[in-house]
Amino acid sequence: MDTPLPVTHADAVVIGAGAFGLSVGYQLAALGAGRVVVLDRFAPGSQTSPRAAGLYKLVQADETLTRLARSSIDIIRGFGDETGVPLPYVQSGSLLAARTEAHAAIVDEEAEAAAAWGIELEKIDADQLHRLAPYLTGRDIRTAWFVPDDIYIEEPRSLLDAYITAIENLGSQVIGNAAVNGITVDNGEISGVSTARGDVATPLVVDAAGAWARAVGSLAGVEVPIAPVRHQLLITRPIAGMVPTEPIARIVDASAYLRPARGGLMMGGMESDPLAIDPRTDSSFTIADTPLDMAVLDAFTDALGPLVPALADTPVAEHRGGLFTMTPDARFLAGPVPGVRGLWTATGCNGSGFSISAGIGRALAEWILGGEPPLDMSTLSPGRFGPGPYPDDELTAAGLYRYANYYTPQPVG
């Protein structure tokens, strides 16, 4: 028999103990929301988030995302001082570069927009790129920008552990192995959640369940339009001379990113022929069951070619994968859900969830407690696609398209 939940009442219940859920849970507790309970169907922090790349990125698609990205980095930098819980990060900066004319135009446009939104960055040439990141030769680079304030977290699990400790230090709780199997809605308002281990009465639920967010939303009778899509990365064995502070690199024409990792290199990218995985079809599915395909990463290595020769010359130490939750317009679902008072979502990572989760967590907590969003979050509204229902095939097709075309040049006009 399952051990009963150690709580029966809460001021807020967050469903999902990954980067989104733990961020929201921590911020709610820190800002005085009362008793906050974070529930997860698995061990807390055990699914996609610890398999992330750990990258933070200030160059974003619009001003709202840019402000959230800036907030995220500020929160990570100040986390230890704010909470007393150590959270190591690497102040590496990042490089945004391209080797084709079409992709160079994208990079330059994004960089110039970011500068207008207050992001510090500098255009550099291929020689400067190589000096900043010796693991890159600079070969065939058409355009490149250096963003000095970008950071990375070496081991993403450390962020999750830090959140859990901070939440518990504030008197709130993170409880694993407690799958939510019911959400009670009375007269259009949230009143509680149910698990096999017991019920929790609460007026506030945040659906931050990642790849399971759509299934969780359905418990409250609402649609959460996400399509989980596989993402893979690798970490090489150590490389002589590799320095942890060498910048993150995003090579747009290859749809790939790299960073120093464990003395070697991490590399991942957006697959051109991606794989959708719907955990609703298998009740026993965990992220560890995500099928991996090294041939996909070998293709990225080939595409990067002489720009990153160490990739082809160094054996792989780790190959891992997780699920991105893609939305039809490649934007987060973050805010109150129309039609059900007290239900909020924090999902739809679209490849940037780990990076922006800290900023979204704070923004949602301030909005929940203050009654107004701290910035314009309208483009991330969970209700922007209408009430649904959304056909599975259409959601999946849209998610696969957005993933595969993450860096694809789009025609003008």
Protein backbone atom coordinates (compact mmCIF):
# COMPACT_ATOMS: atom_id res chain seq x y z
CA MET A 1 0.00 0.00 0.00
CA ASP A 2 1.29 3.49 -0.87
CA THR A 3 2.30 5.69 2.03
CA PRO A 4 -0.35 8.41 2.50
CA LEU A 5 0.59 11.93 1.46
CA PRO A 6 2.00 13.94 4.36
CA VAL A 7 -0.33 16.85 3.53
CA THR A 8 -4.08 17.22 2.96
CA HIS A 9 -4.37 20.99 2.46
CA ALA A 10 -2.18 23.44 0.54
CA ASP A 11 -2.35 27.02 -0.61
CA ALA A 12 -0.92 25.94 -3.96
CA VAL A 13 -0.19 22.63 -5.67
CA VAL A 14 2.33 22.50 -8.50
CA ILE A 15 2.18 19.36 -10.64
CA GLY A 16 5.58 18.41 -11.99
CA ALA A 17 8.96 18.61 -10.25
CA GLY A 18 11.14 19.55 -13.20
CA ALA A 19 12.73 22.94 -13.88
CA PHE A 20 9.37 24.67 -14.53
CA GLY A 21 7.51 23.19 -11.58
CA LEU A 22 10.31 23.61 -9.06
CA SER A 23 10.89 27.19 -10.20
CA VAL A 24 7.22 28.09 -9.76
CA GLY A 25 7.08 26.23 -6.45
CA TYR A 26 10.15 27.97 -5.09
CA GLN A 27 9.02 31.43 -6.18
CA LEU A 28 5.54 30.97 -4.73
CA ALA A 29 6.99 29.84 -1.41
CA ALA A 30 9.61 32.61 -1.37
CA LEU A 31 7.04 35.31 -2.12
CA GLY A 32 4.75 34.23 0.70
CA ALA A 33 2.08 32.11 -0.99
CA GLY A 34 1.76 29.94 2.14
CA ARG A 35 2.07 26.17 2.04
CA VAL A 36 3.19 25.09 -1.43
CA VAL A 37 3.25 21.44 -2.44
CA VAL A 38 5.05 20.23 -5.57
CA LEU A 39 3.88 16.77 -6.67
CA ASP A 40 5.48 14.49 -9.23
CA ARG A 41 4.52 11.08 -10.58
CA PHE A 42 8.21 10.08 -10.43
CA ALA A 43 11.15 10.96 -8.20
CA PRO A 44 11.48 14.76 -8.17
CA GLY A 45 13.81 16.14 -10.80
CA SER A 46 14.27 12.79 -12.53
CA GLN A 47 12.79 13.22 -16.01
CA THR A 48 13.70 15.62 -18.85
CA SER A 49 15.24 18.49 -16.85
CA PRO A 50 18.36 16.63 -15.61
CA ARG A 51 18.96 15.55 -19.22
CA ALA A 52 18.94 19.16 -20.48
CA ALA A 53 21.95 20.94 -21.92
CA GLY A 54 21.93 23.51 -19.11
CA LEU A 55 22.27 26.49 -21.47
CA TYR A 56 21.02 30.05 -20.88
CA LYS A 57 20.42 32.32 -23.86
CA LEU A 58 19.73 36.05 -23.90
CA VAL A 59 19.15 36.37 -27.65
CA GLN A 60 15.46 35.54 -27.99
CA ALA A 61 12.66 35.93 -30.52
CA ASP A 62 10.91 38.91 -28.92
CA GLU A 63 11.12 41.39 -26.07
CA THR A 64 8.98 39.36 -23.67
CA LEU A 65 11.18 36.29 -24.01
CA THR A 66 14.28 38.48 -23.78
CA ARG A 67 13.11 39.96 -20.47
CA LEU A 68 12.28 36.50 -19.13
CA ALA A 69 15.70 35.22 -20.23
CA ARG A 70 17.40 38.16 -18.51
CA SER A 71 15.40 37.49 -15.36
CA SER A 72 16.39 33.81 -15.45
CA ILE A 73 20.09 34.55 -15.58
CA ASP A 74 19.79 37.13 -12.80
CA ILE A 75 17.94 34.60 -10.61
CA ILE A 76 20.56 31.90 -11.19
CA ARG A 77 23.42 34.28 -10.44
CA GLY A 78 21.80 35.46 -7.23
CA PHE A 79 20.32 32.16 -6.09
CA GLY A 80 23.03 31.27 -3.59
CA ASP A 81 22.94 34.67 -1.90
CA GLU A 82 19.13 34.75 -1.88
CA THR A 83 18.60 31.25 -0.50
CA GLY A 84 21.83 30.20 1.17
CA VAL A 85 21.77 27.15 -1.12
CA PRO A 86 24.84 26.85 -3.38
CA LEU A 87 24.13 26.78 -7.11
CA PRO A 88 27.26 26.70 -9.29
CA TYR A 89 27.15 28.12 -12.82
CA VAL A 90 29.74 29.00 -15.44
CA GLN A 91 30.02 32.57 -16.75
CA SER A 92 31.13 31.55 -20.23
CA GLY A 93 29.29 33.88 -22.56
CA SER A 94 28.09 32.47 -25.86
CA LEU A 95 28.68 32.66 -29.58
CA LEU A 96 25.93 32.87 -32.17
CA ALA A 97 27.28 32.06 -35.62
CA ALA A 98 26.39 30.94 -39.15
CA ARG A 99 28.19 29.72 -42.26
CA THR A 100 25.58 30.36 -44.96
CA GLU A 101 24.29 33.64 -46.31
CA ALA A 102 20.67 32.87 -45.41
CA HIS A 103 21.49 31.79 -41.87
CA ALA A 104 23.87 34.70 -41.40
CA ALA A 105 20.97 37.04 -42.16
CA ILE A 106 18.93 35.36 -39.42
CA VAL A 107 21.75 35.68 -36.90
CA ASP A 108 22.39 39.33 -37.70
CA GLU A 109 18.69 40.17 -37.49
CA GLU A 110 18.30 38.41 -34.13
CA ALA A 111 21.42 40.04 -32.72
CA GLU A 112 20.39 43.53 -33.80
CA ALA A 113 16.93 43.04 -32.27
CA ALA A 114 18.48 41.78 -29.02
CA ALA A 115 20.72 44.84 -28.87
CA ALA A 116 17.65 47.05 -29.21
CA TRP A 117 16.12 45.19 -26.24
CA GLY A 118 19.13 45.94 -24.06
CA ILE A 119 21.29 42.84 -24.52
CA GLU A 120 25.04 43.41 -24.60
CA LEU A 121 26.68 41.68 -27.57
CA GLU A 122 29.53 42.25 -30.02
CA LYS A 123 29.99 41.30 -33.65
CA ILE A 124 33.25 39.39 -34.14
CA ASP A 125 35.18 37.83 -37.00
CA ALA A 126 36.31 34.23 -37.44
CA ASP A 127 39.72 34.85 -35.86
CA GLN A 128 38.12 36.41 -32.77
CA LEU A 129 35.70 33.50 -32.58
CA HIS A 130 38.60 31.04 -32.54
CA ARG A 131 40.44 33.02 -29.86
CA LEU A 132 37.35 33.04 -27.63
CA ALA A 133 36.54 29.37 -28.27
CA PRO A 134 39.61 27.44 -29.43
CA TYR A 135 37.47 24.33 -29.96
CA LEU A 136 36.07 26.19 -33.00
CA THR A 137 38.42 26.71 -35.94
CA GLY A 138 36.42 29.62 -37.35
CA ARG A 139 36.39 27.98 -40.79
CA ASP A 140 33.71 29.23 -43.20
CA ILE A 141 32.07 31.52 -40.63
CA ARG A 142 30.08 34.28 -42.35
CA THR A 143 28.84 36.05 -39.25
CA ALA A 144 29.32 35.66 -35.50
CA TRP A 145 28.31 37.51 -32.36
CA PHE A 146 29.59 37.21 -28.80
CA VAL A 147 27.07 37.50 -25.94
CA PRO A 148 29.15 37.91 -22.75
CA ASP A 149 26.35 37.50 -20.18
CA ASP A 150 25.16 34.04 -21.22
CA ILE A 151 25.87 31.25 -18.73
CA TYR A 152 25.51 27.50 -18.40
CA ILE A 153 25.00 25.07 -15.54
CA GLU A 154 27.44 22.20 -15.86
CA GLU A 155 25.16 19.56 -14.33
CA PRO A 156 21.46 20.47 -14.76
CA ARG A 157 20.54 18.20 -11.87
CA SER A 158 22.25 20.69 -9.52
CA LEU A 159 19.58 23.31 -10.28
CA LEU A 160 16.79 20.88 -9.43
CA ASP A 161 18.46 19.83 -6.18
CA ALA A 162 18.98 23.49 -5.23
CA TYR A 163 15.30 24.29 -5.81
CA ILE A 164 14.17 21.29 -3.76
CA THR A 165 16.38 22.29 -0.85
CA ALA A 166 15.26 25.93 -1.03
CA ILE A 167 11.57 24.95 -1.15
CA GLU A 168 11.92 22.69 1.87
CA ASN A 169 13.89 25.33 3.75
CA LEU A 170 10.88 27.63 3.31
CA GLY A 171 8.58 25.08 4.93
CA SER A 172 6.96 23.81 1.74
CA GLN A 173 7.20 20.32 0.27
CA VAL A 174 8.31 18.44 -2.83
CA ILE A 175 6.73 14.99 -2.96
CA GLY A 176 7.61 12.34 -5.51
CA ASN A 177 5.90 9.12 -6.56
CA ALA A 178 2.55 10.85 -6.25
CA ALA A 179 0.92 10.89 -9.69
CA VAL A 180 -2.06 13.22 -9.85
CA ASN A 181 -5.04 11.26 -11.18
CA GLY A 182 -7.78 13.80 -10.56
CA ILE A 183 -8.35 17.55 -10.37
CA THR A 184 -11.53 18.74 -8.70
CA VAL A 185 -13.29 21.72 -10.26
CA ASP A 186 -16.34 23.12 -8.43
CA ASN A 187 -18.42 25.74 -10.25
CA GLY A 188 -15.51 26.59 -12.51
CA GLU A 189 -12.95 26.86 -9.68
CA ILE A 190 -10.12 24.58 -8.60
CA SER A 191 -10.74 22.97 -5.21
CA GLY A 192 -8.26 20.10 -5.01
CA VAL A 193 -6.22 17.31 -6.54
CA SER A 194 -6.30 13.56 -6.08
CA THR A 195 -3.53 10.96 -6.06
CA ALA A 196 -3.41 7.26 -5.23
CA ARG A 197 -1.83 8.31 -1.94
CA GLY A 198 -4.56 10.75 -0.97
CA ASP A 199 -6.17 14.08 -1.81
CA VAL A 200 -4.98 17.64 -1.32
CA ALA A 201 -7.48 20.48 -0.99
CA THR A 202 -6.21 23.62 -2.73
CA PRO A 203 -7.55 26.67 -4.58
CA LEU A 204 -4.55 26.85 -6.92
CA VAL A 205 -3.01 24.31 -9.30
CA VAL A 206 -0.09 24.91 -11.66
CA ASP A 207 0.27 22.35 -14.44
CA ALA A 208 4.02 22.09 -15.00
CA ALA A 209 4.05 18.41 -15.87
CA GLY A 210 6.22 18.64 -18.98
CA ALA A 211 5.50 15.83 -21.42
CA TRP A 212 2.53 14.85 -19.21
CA ALA A 213 1.06 18.39 -19.11
CA ARG A 214 -1.64 17.63 -21.67
CA ALA A 215 -2.80 14.60 -19.70
CA VAL A 216 -2.85 16.66 -16.49
CA GLY A 217 -4.86 19.44 -18.12
CA SER A 218 -7.46 16.93 -19.28
CA LEU A 219 -8.13 16.05 -15.62
CA ALA A 220 -9.54 19.56 -15.25
CA GLY A 221 -11.39 19.38 -18.55
CA VAL A 222 -9.03 21.67 -20.47
CA GLU A 223 -6.74 21.23 -23.43
CA VAL A 224 -3.00 21.91 -23.15
CA PRO A 225 -1.76 22.07 -26.75
CA ILE A 226 1.67 20.47 -26.63
CA ALA A 227 3.40 17.77 -28.66
CA PRO A 228 6.39 16.07 -27.01
CA VAL A 229 9.32 15.64 -29.41
CA ARG A 230 12.59 13.80 -28.79
CA HIS A 231 15.81 15.75 -28.34
CA GLN A 232 19.29 14.24 -28.03
CA LEU A 233 22.77 15.37 -27.05
CA LEU A 234 26.18 13.87 -26.38
CA ILE A 235 29.18 14.59 -24.19
CA THR A 236 32.64 13.56 -25.38
CA ARG A 237 35.47 12.26 -23.30
CA PRO A 238 37.92 14.92 -22.06
CA ILE A 239 39.80 16.93 -24.68
CA ALA A 240 43.31 18.22 -23.98
CA GLY A 241 43.32 21.96 -23.33
CA MET A 242 39.55 22.30 -23.01
CA VAL A 243 38.65 25.10 -20.59
CA PRO A 244 35.21 25.30 -18.86
CA THR A 245 34.92 29.04 -19.50
CA GLU A 246 35.15 28.74 -23.28
CA PRO A 247 31.86 30.06 -24.65
CA ILE A 248 28.74 28.17 -25.56
CA ALA A 249 28.40 28.07 -29.36
CA ARG A 250 25.23 27.96 -31.41
CA ILE A 251 25.91 27.19 -35.07
CA VAL A 252 22.64 28.10 -36.70
CA ASP A 253 23.16 26.58 -40.17
CA ALA A 254 23.87 23.19 -38.55
CA SER A 255 20.95 23.55 -36.10
CA ALA A 256 23.50 22.61 -33.43
CA TYR A 257 24.87 23.88 -30.12
CA LEU A 258 28.06 23.10 -28.20
CA ARG A 259 29.61 23.87 -24.85
CA PRO A 260 32.43 22.65 -22.63
CA ALA A 261 31.31 19.71 -20.48
CA ARG A 262 33.26 17.53 -18.03
CA GLY A 263 36.55 18.43 -19.69
CA GLY A 264 35.21 17.62 -23.16
CA LEU A 265 32.46 18.94 -25.41
CA MET A 266 28.68 18.72 -25.27
CA MET A 267 26.88 18.78 -28.61
CA GLY A 268 23.22 18.56 -29.51
CA GLY A 269 20.87 19.83 -32.16
CA MET A 270 17.42 19.98 -33.70
CA GLU A 271 16.78 16.87 -35.77
CA SER A 272 15.59 17.41 -39.35
CA ASP A 273 13.35 14.33 -39.16
CA PRO A 274 12.22 14.44 -35.50
CA LEU A 275 10.42 11.80 -33.50
CA ALA A 276 7.20 12.54 -31.62
CA ILE A 277 6.53 10.57 -28.42
CA ASP A 278 3.22 10.77 -26.58
CA PRO A 279 3.52 9.40 -23.02
CA ARG A 280 -0.27 9.22 -22.78
CA THR A 281 -0.16 6.06 -24.88
CA ASP A 282 1.92 4.12 -22.33
CA SER A 283 1.23 4.52 -18.62
CA SER A 284 4.61 3.00 -17.74
CA PHE A 285 6.66 5.38 -19.92
CA THR A 286 9.49 7.35 -18.33
CA ILE A 287 11.95 9.70 -20.01
CA ALA A 288 14.61 7.01 -19.61
CA ASP A 289 12.58 4.98 -22.13
CA THR A 290 13.10 7.60 -24.86
CA PRO A 291 14.70 5.74 -27.78
CA LEU A 292 18.12 7.11 -28.72
CA ASP A 293 19.72 7.16 -32.16
CA MET A 294 23.43 7.98 -32.36
CA ALA A 295 23.17 8.24 -36.15
CA VAL A 296 21.32 11.52 -35.65
CA LEU A 297 24.19 12.97 -33.62
CA ASP A 298 26.73 11.57 -36.08
CA ALA A 299 24.96 13.62 -38.76
CA PHE A 300 25.39 16.77 -36.66
CA THR A 301 29.08 15.96 -36.24
CA ASP A 302 29.37 15.65 -40.02
CA ALA A 303 27.48 18.91 -40.54
CA LEU A 304 29.80 20.77 -38.17
CA GLY A 305 32.78 19.20 -39.94
CA PRO A 306 36.04 21.15 -39.93
CA LEU A 307 34.56 23.88 -37.74
CA VAL A 308 34.67 21.50 -34.73
CA PRO A 309 37.29 18.82 -35.55
CA ALA A 310 37.46 17.52 -31.96
CA LEU A 311 33.95 16.10 -32.28
CA ALA A 312 34.98 13.56 -34.88
CA ASP A 313 38.29 12.83 -33.13
CA THR A 314 37.02 12.23 -29.57
CA PRO A 315 35.03 9.23 -28.31
CA VAL A 316 31.59 9.79 -26.82
CA ALA A 317 31.30 9.42 -23.04
CA GLU A 318 27.54 9.99 -22.70
CA HIS A 319 24.55 9.99 -25.05
CA ARG A 320 21.27 11.15 -23.55
CA GLY A 321 17.84 12.33 -24.61
CA GLY A 322 14.63 13.84 -23.37
CA LEU A 323 11.41 15.37 -24.65
CA PHE A 324 10.79 18.95 -25.73
CA THR A 325 7.17 20.06 -25.37
CA MET A 326 6.42 21.86 -28.62
CA THR A 327 3.46 24.20 -29.17
CA PRO A 328 1.94 25.12 -32.55
CA ASP A 329 3.63 28.55 -32.54
CA ALA A 330 6.83 27.59 -30.66
CA ARG A 331 5.99 29.76 -27.63
CA PHE A 332 5.51 28.85 -24.00
CA LEU A 333 2.15 28.21 -22.37
CA ALA A 334 2.50 30.30 -19.23
CA GLY A 335 -0.37 31.92 -17.36
CA PRO A 336 -3.94 31.32 -16.17
CA VAL A 337 -6.09 28.85 -18.08
CA PRO A 338 -9.36 30.42 -19.31
CA GLY A 339 -12.52 28.88 -17.92
CA VAL A 340 -11.07 27.31 -14.78
CA ARG A 341 -10.30 29.76 -12.00
CA GLY A 342 -7.18 28.79 -10.09
CA LEU A 343 -5.63 26.67 -12.87
CA TRP A 344 -2.36 27.86 -14.40
CA THR A 345 0.15 26.32 -16.79
CA ALA A 346 3.93 26.49 -17.12
CA THR A 347 4.85 24.29 -20.06
CA GLY A 348 5.58 24.33 -23.79
CA CYS A 349 9.35 24.58 -23.45
CA ASN A 350 10.01 24.59 -27.22
CA GLY A 351 13.69 23.98 -26.58
CA SER A 352 14.25 26.82 -24.10
CA GLY A 353 12.49 25.54 -20.99
CA PHE A 354 15.54 25.05 -18.80
CA SER A 355 16.91 28.43 -19.88
CA ILE A 356 13.80 30.50 -19.17
CA SER A 357 12.15 28.45 -16.40
CA ALA A 358 13.56 30.61 -13.62
CA GLY A 359 12.16 33.80 -15.15
CA ILE A 360 8.79 32.24 -15.91
CA GLY A 361 8.57 30.87 -12.37
CA ARG A 362 9.11 34.30 -10.88
CA ALA A 363 6.76 36.02 -13.32
CA LEU A 364 3.95 33.54 -12.64
CA ALA A 365 4.41 33.72 -8.87
CA GLU A 366 4.30 37.52 -8.93
CA TRP A 367 1.23 37.41 -11.16
CA ILE A 368 -0.59 34.85 -8.98
CA LEU A 369 0.09 36.75 -5.78
CA GLY A 370 -0.13 40.29 -7.13
CA GLY A 371 -3.03 39.89 -9.53
CA GLU A 372 -1.19 41.36 -12.52
CA PRO A 373 1.69 40.04 -14.63
CA PRO A 374 5.01 41.87 -14.07
CA LEU A 375 5.44 42.17 -17.85
CA ASP A 376 3.35 41.61 -20.95
CA MET A 377 2.78 37.84 -21.02
CA SER A 378 -0.08 37.91 -23.53
CA THR A 379 1.88 36.15 -26.28
CA LEU A 380 2.31 33.17 -23.92
CA SER A 381 -1.35 32.92 -22.93
CA PRO A 382 -2.50 29.29 -22.52
CA GLY A 383 -5.82 30.23 -24.14
CA ARG A 384 -4.45 31.75 -27.34
CA PHE A 385 -5.32 28.73 -29.48
CA GLY A 386 -8.93 28.59 -28.32
CA PRO A 387 -10.65 26.00 -26.14
CA GLY A 388 -9.98 22.97 -28.32
CA PRO A 389 -10.24 20.08 -28.64
CA TYR A 390 -7.06 19.83 -30.67
CA PRO A 391 -6.70 16.82 -32.99
CA ASP A 392 -3.65 14.77 -32.02
CA ASP A 393 -2.38 14.55 -35.59
CA GLU A 394 -2.54 18.31 -36.11
CA LEU A 395 -0.78 19.07 -32.83
CA THR A 396 1.90 16.51 -33.57
CA ALA A 397 2.45 17.80 -37.11
CA ALA A 398 2.76 21.38 -35.86
CA GLY A 399 5.16 20.36 -33.09
CA LEU A 400 7.38 18.37 -35.43
CA TYR A 401 7.46 21.24 -37.91
CA ARG A 402 8.42 23.79 -35.26
CA TYR A 403 11.15 21.52 -33.93
CA ALA A 404 12.63 20.62 -37.31
CA ASN A 405 12.55 24.24 -38.50
CA TYR A 406 13.91 25.83 -35.33
CA TYR A 407 16.70 27.49 -37.34
CA THR A 408 15.22 27.38 -40.86
CA PRO A 409 15.42 30.69 -42.77
CA GLN A 410 11.90 31.91 -43.46
CA PRO A 411 10.93 33.78 -46.62
CA VAL A 412 10.17 37.48 -46.24
CA GLY A 413 6.74 38.73 -47.25
